Every structure is written in structure tokens, then in C-alpha cells.
Amino acid sequence: MSEIVDGLLIIGVVALVVLHQFKARQLDEERRWWVLPALLAFVALRKPDLLGDGHTAQAAALLAVELVVSLAMGALFARTTQLWRAEDGALWTKGTKLTLAVWVGGIALRAALYGIGAAFGVHQGGPALMLGLAAMLLARAGVLQWRSRTYREVIGYPQPAWKDRM
């Protein structure tokens, strides 16, 4: 039953991220962008079968590779996201066609990692995928926040008008 719940949680988070990534939306620099990744990592790390049964060294190595790939994918997602400033000074984001290519490539890389794990008899379950998803979301949000700060400093990003009145 736990695998079903993990699967539904992963599918829900991925659907939410994909829907948000490919539609134009205002970037909220004040929000706590690390909360969802931290929650996913907490849930994944609490699972006893994170490294599967047996093959602990191979499972740990494969999980480390998964985390590195996830961090790289998250950074690429953020780098391929378009940023622009609206007339009121608000910063907006939207995924591009290149972002979609990164998604497809990331899914292919993960499938290859799972295939390699299966070839060595290492079972990677929902917790490993959830931890990888948390790493990807953390890297994506962190790089996007860094890009927004850089964008403000380089281009001259004024405060939105409503903040002047507060």
C-alpha cells in the first residue's frame, strides 16, 4: 500500500511542477521555495527501503548518481526557463521548448538508471525516486531564485509599485 501512496505522491508533484513550469506565472521571491523539496526528502528518508534489499553498496552508488543527475536536471530546468520583467516591475517565468527537451532527457536518464539498477539486481523504489525529485526541485528553485537576483542586479529590477506603498 505504501508504494501506491508514494507513486500517487510522486505523480501529483510531477504534474503540479509540469503545469506550473509551462505556463507564464509571476515569480514570488518571498515564498519559501525549499519547503516542498524538504518535505519530499523527509518522507523519502523516513522510508526503510530507500536502498532496497541487499546490494547496499550498489544501491548507494546508484542513489548517489541519481541525486547528481537530479541536481543537474533541476539546474538545467531553471536555466532553460525564460525570465522577463513586466511593466510593474514583477518578474515572470515560463518554461520553453528547451525546458521540455530537458524533461524528456531527464526521464530517459532516469529510465536508464533504473535499467542499470535492474541489471545489477538493485531495486529502486518510490523513496529513491522521491529523493531524486526533491533534489531536482531544490536545485531548480534555488537556481531560479539565484537567476532572479542576478536579473535584478544586472538589468535593474525595480520594486513593484505596490511594495512602495507598504
N, C-alpha and C. Protein backbone atom coordinates (compact mmCIF):
# COMPACT_ATOMS: atom_id res chain seq x y z
N MET A 1 0.82 -1.20 0.00
CA MET A 1 0.00 0.00 0.00
C MET A 1 0.86 1.25 0.00
N SER A 2 1.99 1.21 0.68
CA SER A 2 2.87 2.37 0.75
C SER A 2 3.42 2.75 -0.62
N GLU A 3 3.73 1.76 -1.46
CA GLU A 3 4.23 2.03 -2.81
C GLU A 3 3.18 2.77 -3.63
N ILE A 4 1.91 2.44 -3.45
CA ILE A 4 0.83 3.12 -4.17
C ILE A 4 0.74 4.58 -3.74
N VAL A 5 0.81 4.82 -2.45
CA VAL A 5 0.77 6.19 -1.92
C VAL A 5 1.99 6.97 -2.41
N ASP A 6 3.18 6.35 -2.37
CA ASP A 6 4.39 7.01 -2.87
C ASP A 6 4.24 7.35 -4.35
N GLY A 7 3.74 6.41 -5.12
CA GLY A 7 3.54 6.64 -6.55
C GLY A 7 2.58 7.77 -6.83
N LEU A 8 1.47 7.80 -6.10
CA LEU A 8 0.50 8.88 -6.28
C LEU A 8 1.08 10.23 -5.88
N LEU A 9 1.88 10.25 -4.80
CA LEU A 9 2.52 11.49 -4.36
C LEU A 9 3.49 11.98 -5.43
N ILE A 10 4.30 11.09 -5.97
CA ILE A 10 5.27 11.46 -7.00
C ILE A 10 4.57 11.97 -8.25
N ILE A 11 3.54 11.27 -8.69
CA ILE A 11 2.79 11.69 -9.88
C ILE A 11 2.14 13.04 -9.66
N GLY A 12 1.58 13.25 -8.47
CA GLY A 12 0.95 14.54 -8.17
C GLY A 12 1.94 15.69 -8.17
N VAL A 13 3.11 15.48 -7.57
CA VAL A 13 4.12 16.54 -7.53
C VAL A 13 4.65 16.83 -8.93
N VAL A 14 4.93 15.80 -9.71
CA VAL A 14 5.41 15.99 -11.08
C VAL A 14 4.37 16.73 -11.91
N ALA A 15 3.10 16.34 -11.80
CA ALA A 15 2.04 17.02 -12.55
C ALA A 15 1.96 18.49 -12.15
N LEU A 16 2.04 18.76 -10.87
CA LEU A 16 2.00 20.15 -10.39
C LEU A 16 3.18 20.95 -10.93
N VAL A 17 4.36 20.39 -10.89
CA VAL A 17 5.56 21.09 -11.38
C VAL A 17 5.45 21.34 -12.88
N VAL A 18 5.05 20.33 -13.63
CA VAL A 18 4.94 20.49 -15.08
C VAL A 18 3.90 21.54 -15.43
N LEU A 19 2.75 21.51 -14.79
CA LEU A 19 1.72 22.51 -15.08
C LEU A 19 2.21 23.92 -14.77
N HIS A 20 2.92 24.08 -13.67
CA HIS A 20 3.41 25.40 -13.30
C HIS A 20 4.58 25.85 -14.18
N GLN A 21 5.37 24.91 -14.63
CA GLN A 21 6.57 25.27 -15.37
C GLN A 21 6.26 25.77 -16.77
N PHE A 22 5.20 25.29 -17.38
CA PHE A 22 4.95 25.63 -18.78
C PHE A 22 3.86 26.68 -18.97
N LYS A 23 3.44 27.31 -17.92
CA LYS A 23 2.54 28.44 -18.09
C LYS A 23 3.18 29.66 -17.43
N ALA A 24 2.94 30.81 -18.03
CA ALA A 24 3.53 32.03 -17.51
C ALA A 24 2.96 32.30 -16.12
N ARG A 25 3.86 32.59 -15.19
CA ARG A 25 3.43 32.93 -13.83
C ARG A 25 4.44 33.86 -13.20
N GLN A 26 3.94 34.63 -12.27
CA GLN A 26 4.80 35.58 -11.59
C GLN A 26 5.67 34.85 -10.58
N LEU A 27 6.94 35.18 -10.58
CA LEU A 27 7.88 34.57 -9.65
C LEU A 27 7.77 35.28 -8.31
N ASP A 28 7.44 34.51 -7.30
CA ASP A 28 7.31 35.05 -5.96
C ASP A 28 8.62 34.82 -5.23
N GLU A 29 9.43 35.87 -5.12
CA GLU A 29 10.74 35.74 -4.49
C GLU A 29 10.66 35.68 -2.97
N GLU A 30 9.49 35.91 -2.42
CA GLU A 30 9.32 35.91 -0.97
C GLU A 30 8.95 34.53 -0.42
N ARG A 31 8.46 33.66 -1.28
CA ARG A 31 7.96 32.37 -0.79
C ARG A 31 9.10 31.45 -0.37
N ARG A 32 8.75 30.51 0.41
CA ARG A 32 9.72 29.53 0.90
C ARG A 32 9.84 28.40 -0.13
N TRP A 33 10.73 28.56 -1.07
CA TRP A 33 10.87 27.66 -2.20
C TRP A 33 11.46 26.31 -1.81
N TRP A 34 11.99 26.19 -0.65
CA TRP A 34 12.65 24.96 -0.23
C TRP A 34 11.72 24.02 0.53
N VAL A 35 10.49 24.45 0.83
CA VAL A 35 9.61 23.65 1.70
C VAL A 35 9.19 22.34 1.03
N LEU A 36 8.69 22.38 -0.21
CA LEU A 36 8.24 21.16 -0.88
C LEU A 36 9.40 20.16 -1.05
N PRO A 37 10.57 20.59 -1.54
CA PRO A 37 11.68 19.63 -1.62
C PRO A 37 12.07 19.05 -0.26
N ALA A 38 12.07 19.89 0.78
CA ALA A 38 12.42 19.40 2.11
C ALA A 38 11.40 18.38 2.61
N LEU A 39 10.13 18.62 2.34
CA LEU A 39 9.09 17.68 2.74
C LEU A 39 9.23 16.35 2.01
N LEU A 40 9.47 16.42 0.69
CA LEU A 40 9.67 15.18 -0.09
C LEU A 40 10.90 14.41 0.41
N ALA A 41 11.99 15.12 0.68
CA ALA A 41 13.20 14.45 1.17
C ALA A 41 12.95 13.82 2.53
N PHE A 42 12.23 14.52 3.40
CA PHE A 42 11.91 13.98 4.72
C PHE A 42 11.11 12.68 4.61
N VAL A 43 10.10 12.69 3.75
CA VAL A 43 9.27 11.49 3.56
C VAL A 43 10.13 10.36 2.99
N ALA A 44 10.98 10.66 2.00
CA ALA A 44 11.81 9.62 1.38
C ALA A 44 12.82 9.03 2.36
N LEU A 45 13.44 9.90 3.16
CA LEU A 45 14.47 9.42 4.09
C LEU A 45 13.90 8.64 5.25
N ARG A 46 12.62 8.79 5.52
CA ARG A 46 12.00 8.03 6.61
C ARG A 46 11.66 6.61 6.19
N LYS A 47 11.67 6.34 4.90
CA LYS A 47 11.31 5.01 4.40
C LYS A 47 12.47 4.04 4.64
N PRO A 48 12.17 2.87 5.18
CA PRO A 48 13.25 1.92 5.47
C PRO A 48 13.84 1.28 4.21
N ASP A 49 13.11 1.28 3.10
CA ASP A 49 13.59 0.60 1.89
C ASP A 49 14.19 1.56 0.87
N LEU A 50 14.80 2.65 1.34
CA LEU A 50 15.41 3.63 0.44
C LEU A 50 16.50 2.98 -0.41
N LEU A 51 17.30 2.12 0.19
CA LEU A 51 18.37 1.45 -0.55
C LEU A 51 17.99 0.04 -0.98
N GLY A 52 16.76 -0.35 -0.77
CA GLY A 52 16.30 -1.66 -1.20
C GLY A 52 16.84 -2.78 -0.32
N ASP A 53 16.62 -4.00 -0.75
CA ASP A 53 17.07 -5.18 -0.02
C ASP A 53 18.41 -5.65 -0.59
N GLY A 54 19.41 -5.79 0.27
CA GLY A 54 20.72 -6.27 -0.17
C GLY A 54 21.38 -5.28 -1.14
N HIS A 55 22.49 -5.66 -1.70
CA HIS A 55 23.21 -4.83 -2.67
C HIS A 55 23.36 -3.39 -2.18
N THR A 56 23.64 -3.19 -0.92
CA THR A 56 23.64 -1.86 -0.33
C THR A 56 24.67 -0.94 -0.98
N ALA A 57 25.86 -1.43 -1.27
CA ALA A 57 26.90 -0.59 -1.88
C ALA A 57 26.47 -0.15 -3.28
N GLN A 58 25.95 -1.09 -4.07
CA GLN A 58 25.49 -0.74 -5.42
C GLN A 58 24.30 0.21 -5.36
N ALA A 59 23.39 -0.04 -4.43
CA ALA A 59 22.20 0.81 -4.30
C ALA A 59 22.59 2.21 -3.87
N ALA A 60 23.55 2.32 -2.96
CA ALA A 60 24.01 3.65 -2.52
C ALA A 60 24.70 4.38 -3.66
N ALA A 61 25.50 3.68 -4.45
CA ALA A 61 26.18 4.31 -5.59
C ALA A 61 25.16 4.77 -6.63
N LEU A 62 24.18 3.92 -6.90
CA LEU A 62 23.15 4.28 -7.87
C LEU A 62 22.31 5.46 -7.37
N LEU A 63 22.03 5.50 -6.08
CA LEU A 63 21.29 6.61 -5.50
C LEU A 63 22.10 7.91 -5.58
N ALA A 64 23.41 7.80 -5.36
CA ALA A 64 24.27 8.99 -5.48
C ALA A 64 24.27 9.52 -6.92
N VAL A 65 24.35 8.62 -7.89
CA VAL A 65 24.29 9.03 -9.29
C VAL A 65 22.93 9.66 -9.59
N GLU A 66 21.88 9.06 -9.08
CA GLU A 66 20.52 9.60 -9.26
C GLU A 66 20.42 11.02 -8.71
N LEU A 67 21.02 11.26 -7.55
CA LEU A 67 20.96 12.59 -6.94
C LEU A 67 21.77 13.61 -7.76
N VAL A 68 22.92 13.20 -8.26
CA VAL A 68 23.73 14.11 -9.10
C VAL A 68 22.97 14.44 -10.38
N VAL A 69 22.38 13.43 -11.01
CA VAL A 69 21.58 13.66 -12.23
C VAL A 69 20.40 14.57 -11.91
N SER A 70 19.74 14.35 -10.79
CA SER A 70 18.59 15.16 -10.41
C SER A 70 18.98 16.61 -10.16
N LEU A 71 20.10 16.83 -9.49
CA LEU A 71 20.57 18.20 -9.25
C LEU A 71 20.91 18.89 -10.57
N ALA A 72 21.56 18.16 -11.48
CA ALA A 72 21.90 18.73 -12.79
C ALA A 72 20.64 19.04 -13.59
N MET A 73 19.67 18.14 -13.55
CA MET A 73 18.41 18.38 -14.27
C MET A 73 17.68 19.59 -13.71
N GLY A 74 17.64 19.71 -12.39
CA GLY A 74 16.99 20.86 -11.78
C GLY A 74 17.65 22.16 -12.18
N ALA A 75 18.98 22.16 -12.21
CA ALA A 75 19.70 23.37 -12.63
C ALA A 75 19.42 23.67 -14.10
N LEU A 76 19.38 22.64 -14.94
CA LEU A 76 19.06 22.85 -16.36
C LEU A 76 17.63 23.35 -16.55
N PHE A 77 16.70 22.83 -15.77
CA PHE A 77 15.32 23.32 -15.85
C PHE A 77 15.27 24.81 -15.58
N ALA A 78 15.97 25.23 -14.55
CA ALA A 78 15.98 26.64 -14.18
C ALA A 78 16.69 27.49 -15.23
N ARG A 79 17.76 26.96 -15.81
CA ARG A 79 18.50 27.72 -16.83
C ARG A 79 17.71 27.85 -18.13
N THR A 80 16.85 26.89 -18.44
CA THR A 80 16.09 26.96 -19.69
C THR A 80 14.75 27.68 -19.51
N THR A 81 14.45 28.11 -18.30
CA THR A 81 13.22 28.84 -18.04
C THR A 81 13.42 30.29 -18.44
N GLN A 82 12.45 30.81 -19.17
CA GLN A 82 12.50 32.20 -19.61
C GLN A 82 12.11 33.13 -18.46
N LEU A 83 12.88 34.20 -18.26
CA LEU A 83 12.59 35.23 -17.26
C LEU A 83 12.36 36.55 -17.97
N TRP A 84 11.37 37.30 -17.52
CA TRP A 84 11.17 38.65 -18.04
C TRP A 84 10.51 39.51 -16.99
N ARG A 85 10.68 40.80 -17.17
CA ARG A 85 10.14 41.77 -16.22
C ARG A 85 8.93 42.44 -16.85
N ALA A 86 7.83 42.48 -16.11
CA ALA A 86 6.63 43.16 -16.57
C ALA A 86 6.76 44.66 -16.32
N GLU A 87 5.84 45.41 -16.85
CA GLU A 87 5.90 46.86 -16.71
C GLU A 87 5.81 47.32 -15.26
N ASP A 88 5.13 46.55 -14.41
CA ASP A 88 5.02 46.93 -13.00
C ASP A 88 6.24 46.53 -12.18
N GLY A 89 7.23 45.91 -12.84
CA GLY A 89 8.46 45.51 -12.16
C GLY A 89 8.46 44.07 -11.68
N ALA A 90 7.33 43.38 -11.80
CA ALA A 90 7.25 41.98 -11.35
C ALA A 90 8.01 41.08 -12.31
N LEU A 91 8.62 40.05 -11.78
CA LEU A 91 9.38 39.09 -12.57
C LEU A 91 8.50 37.89 -12.90
N TRP A 92 8.50 37.48 -14.16
CA TRP A 92 7.67 36.38 -14.64
C TRP A 92 8.55 35.28 -15.20
N THR A 93 8.05 34.04 -15.14
CA THR A 93 8.78 32.88 -15.66
C THR A 93 7.86 32.03 -16.52
N LYS A 94 8.50 31.29 -17.42
CA LYS A 94 7.76 30.31 -18.22
C LYS A 94 8.78 29.35 -18.84
N GLY A 95 8.45 28.07 -18.83
CA GLY A 95 9.29 27.07 -19.46
C GLY A 95 9.27 27.22 -20.97
N THR A 96 10.35 26.81 -21.62
CA THR A 96 10.48 26.92 -23.07
C THR A 96 10.46 25.53 -23.70
N LYS A 97 10.63 25.50 -25.02
CA LYS A 97 10.72 24.21 -25.71
C LYS A 97 11.96 23.46 -25.26
N LEU A 98 13.01 24.20 -24.97
CA LEU A 98 14.23 23.57 -24.47
C LEU A 98 13.99 22.94 -23.09
N THR A 99 13.14 23.57 -22.29
CA THR A 99 12.78 23.01 -20.98
C THR A 99 12.10 21.66 -21.17
N LEU A 100 11.22 21.58 -22.16
CA LEU A 100 10.54 20.32 -22.47
C LEU A 100 11.55 19.25 -22.88
N ALA A 101 12.55 19.64 -23.66
CA ALA A 101 13.59 18.70 -24.07
C ALA A 101 14.37 18.21 -22.85
N VAL A 102 14.61 19.09 -21.89
CA VAL A 102 15.31 18.69 -20.66
C VAL A 102 14.45 17.70 -19.88
N TRP A 103 13.14 17.94 -19.81
CA TRP A 103 12.24 17.00 -19.14
C TRP A 103 12.33 15.61 -19.78
N VAL A 104 12.23 15.57 -21.10
CA VAL A 104 12.26 14.29 -21.81
C VAL A 104 13.61 13.60 -21.60
N GLY A 105 14.70 14.38 -21.71
CA GLY A 105 16.03 13.81 -21.47
C GLY A 105 16.19 13.31 -20.04
N GLY A 106 15.64 14.04 -19.10
CA GLY A 106 15.71 13.63 -17.69
C GLY A 106 14.96 12.34 -17.42
N ILE A 107 13.81 12.20 -18.04
CA ILE A 107 13.03 10.96 -17.89
C ILE A 107 13.81 9.80 -18.50
N ALA A 108 14.44 10.03 -19.66
CA ALA A 108 15.23 8.98 -20.31
C ALA A 108 16.43 8.59 -19.43
N LEU A 109 17.09 9.58 -18.84
CA LEU A 109 18.23 9.28 -17.95
C LEU A 109 17.79 8.47 -16.74
N ARG A 110 16.66 8.85 -16.17
CA ARG A 110 16.16 8.10 -15.00
C ARG A 110 15.79 6.68 -15.39
N ALA A 111 15.18 6.51 -16.55
CA ALA A 111 14.83 5.16 -17.01
C ALA A 111 16.12 4.34 -17.21
N ALA A 112 17.15 4.97 -17.75
CA ALA A 112 18.42 4.26 -17.94
C ALA A 112 19.03 3.87 -16.59
N LEU A 113 18.95 4.77 -15.61
CA LEU A 113 19.46 4.42 -14.28
C LEU A 113 18.69 3.27 -13.65
N TYR A 114 17.38 3.28 -13.83
CA TYR A 114 16.59 2.17 -13.30
C TYR A 114 16.93 0.87 -14.03
N GLY A 115 17.20 0.96 -15.34
CA GLY A 115 17.61 -0.22 -16.10
C GLY A 115 18.95 -0.76 -15.64
N ILE A 116 19.89 0.13 -15.37
CA ILE A 116 21.20 -0.27 -14.86
C ILE A 116 21.03 -0.94 -13.49
N GLY A 117 20.19 -0.35 -12.66
CA GLY A 117 19.93 -0.94 -11.35
C GLY A 117 19.33 -2.33 -11.47
N ALA A 118 18.38 -2.48 -12.37
CA ALA A 118 17.76 -3.79 -12.57
C ALA A 118 18.77 -4.81 -13.08
N ALA A 119 19.69 -4.38 -13.94
CA ALA A 119 20.71 -5.29 -14.47
C ALA A 119 21.62 -5.80 -13.36
N PHE A 120 21.85 -4.98 -12.35
CA PHE A 120 22.69 -5.38 -11.21
C PHE A 120 21.88 -5.97 -10.07
N GLY A 121 20.57 -6.10 -10.26
CA GLY A 121 19.72 -6.68 -9.23
C GLY A 121 19.38 -5.71 -8.11
N VAL A 122 19.53 -4.43 -8.37
CA VAL A 122 19.23 -3.41 -7.36
C VAL A 122 17.84 -2.86 -7.63
N HIS A 123 16.98 -2.98 -6.63
CA HIS A 123 15.62 -2.47 -6.75
C HIS A 123 15.58 -1.03 -6.23
N GLN A 124 15.18 -0.11 -7.09
CA GLN A 124 14.99 1.28 -6.67
C GLN A 124 13.49 1.53 -6.63
N GLY A 125 13.00 1.84 -5.47
CA GLY A 125 11.57 2.06 -5.32
C GLY A 125 11.21 3.52 -5.28
N GLY A 126 10.02 3.77 -4.77
CA GLY A 126 9.49 5.12 -4.66
C GLY A 126 10.34 6.07 -3.84
N PRO A 127 10.92 5.62 -2.72
CA PRO A 127 11.72 6.55 -1.91
C PRO A 127 12.92 7.12 -2.67
N ALA A 128 13.60 6.31 -3.48
CA ALA A 128 14.74 6.82 -4.25
C ALA A 128 14.28 7.84 -5.28
N LEU A 129 13.18 7.54 -5.95
CA LEU A 129 12.63 8.48 -6.93
C LEU A 129 12.17 9.77 -6.25
N MET A 130 11.57 9.63 -5.08
CA MET A 130 11.09 10.80 -4.33
C MET A 130 12.27 11.67 -3.88
N LEU A 131 13.36 11.05 -3.45
CA LEU A 131 14.54 11.81 -3.05
C LEU A 131 15.17 12.51 -4.25
N GLY A 132 15.20 11.84 -5.39
CA GLY A 132 15.69 12.46 -6.62
C GLY A 132 14.82 13.63 -7.04
N LEU A 133 13.51 13.48 -6.91
CA LEU A 133 12.59 14.56 -7.25
C LEU A 133 12.79 15.75 -6.31
N ALA A 134 13.02 15.47 -5.04
CA ALA A 134 13.28 16.55 -4.08
C ALA A 134 14.56 17.29 -4.45
N ALA A 135 15.60 16.56 -4.82
CA ALA A 135 16.87 17.20 -5.22
C ALA A 135 16.67 18.05 -6.47
N MET A 136 15.92 17.53 -7.43
CA MET A 136 15.67 18.27 -8.66
C MET A 136 14.90 19.56 -8.38
N LEU A 137 13.85 19.47 -7.57
CA LEU A 137 13.05 20.66 -7.25
C LEU A 137 13.86 21.68 -6.45
N LEU A 138 14.69 21.20 -5.55
CA LEU A 138 15.53 22.10 -4.77
C LEU A 138 16.51 22.84 -5.67
N ALA A 139 17.17 22.11 -6.57
CA ALA A 139 18.12 22.75 -7.49
C ALA A 139 17.40 23.72 -8.42
N ARG A 140 16.26 23.33 -8.94
CA ARG A 140 15.51 24.20 -9.86
C ARG A 140 15.11 25.49 -9.16
N ALA A 141 14.53 25.37 -8.00
CA ALA A 141 14.07 26.56 -7.28
C ALA A 141 15.24 27.44 -6.85
N GLY A 142 16.31 26.82 -6.39
CA GLY A 142 17.47 27.59 -5.96
C GLY A 142 18.12 28.34 -7.11
N VAL A 143 18.31 27.68 -8.24
CA VAL A 143 18.92 28.34 -9.40
C VAL A 143 17.99 29.42 -9.94
N LEU A 144 16.69 29.17 -9.94
CA LEU A 144 15.75 30.18 -10.41
C LEU A 144 15.76 31.41 -9.50
N GLN A 145 15.85 31.20 -8.19
CA GLN A 145 15.95 32.33 -7.27
C GLN A 145 17.27 33.08 -7.49
N TRP A 146 18.35 32.36 -7.69
CA TRP A 146 19.64 32.99 -7.97
C TRP A 146 19.57 33.79 -9.27
N ARG A 147 18.97 33.21 -10.31
CA ARG A 147 18.82 33.93 -11.58
C ARG A 147 17.98 35.19 -11.41
N SER A 148 16.94 35.12 -10.59
CA SER A 148 16.10 36.30 -10.41
C SER A 148 16.87 37.42 -9.71
N ARG A 149 17.70 37.07 -8.75
CA ARG A 149 18.51 38.09 -8.07
C ARG A 149 19.54 38.67 -9.03
N THR A 150 20.18 37.82 -9.83
CA THR A 150 21.15 38.29 -10.82
C THR A 150 20.46 39.18 -11.85
N TYR A 151 19.28 38.78 -12.26
CA TYR A 151 18.50 39.55 -13.23
C TYR A 151 18.20 40.94 -12.68
N ARG A 152 17.83 41.00 -11.43
CA ARG A 152 17.53 42.28 -10.80
C ARG A 152 18.77 43.16 -10.75
N GLU A 153 19.93 42.59 -10.39
CA GLU A 153 21.16 43.37 -10.25
C GLU A 153 21.70 43.84 -11.60
N VAL A 154 21.66 42.97 -12.60
CA VAL A 154 22.24 43.30 -13.90
C VAL A 154 21.33 44.23 -14.71
N ILE A 155 20.04 43.91 -14.74
CA ILE A 155 19.13 44.65 -15.60
C ILE A 155 18.53 45.85 -14.88
N GLY A 156 18.56 45.84 -13.60
CA GLY A 156 17.94 46.94 -12.87
C GLY A 156 16.47 46.66 -12.68
N TYR A 157 16.17 45.87 -11.73
CA TYR A 157 14.82 45.38 -11.48
C TYR A 157 14.20 46.22 -10.37
N PRO A 158 13.32 47.15 -10.71
CA PRO A 158 12.73 47.98 -9.65
C PRO A 158 11.73 47.20 -8.82
N GLN A 159 11.47 47.67 -7.63
CA GLN A 159 10.46 47.06 -6.78
C GLN A 159 9.08 47.30 -7.41
N PRO A 160 8.17 46.34 -7.32
CA PRO A 160 6.82 46.58 -7.81
C PRO A 160 6.19 47.77 -7.08
N ALA A 161 5.29 48.46 -7.77
CA ALA A 161 4.70 49.69 -7.24
C ALA A 161 3.97 49.45 -5.92
N TRP A 162 3.32 48.30 -5.76
CA TRP A 162 2.56 48.05 -4.54
C TRP A 162 3.47 47.95 -3.32
N LYS A 163 4.75 47.59 -3.50
CA LYS A 163 5.67 47.49 -2.37
C LYS A 163 6.10 48.87 -1.89
N ASP A 164 6.07 49.87 -2.79
CA ASP A 164 6.43 51.22 -2.39
C ASP A 164 5.43 51.80 -1.41
N ARG A 165 4.20 51.37 -1.52
CA ARG A 165 3.16 51.93 -0.66
C ARG A 165 3.11 51.27 0.69
N MET A 166 3.72 50.15 0.88
CA MET A 166 3.64 49.43 2.15
C MET A 166 4.59 49.95 3.17
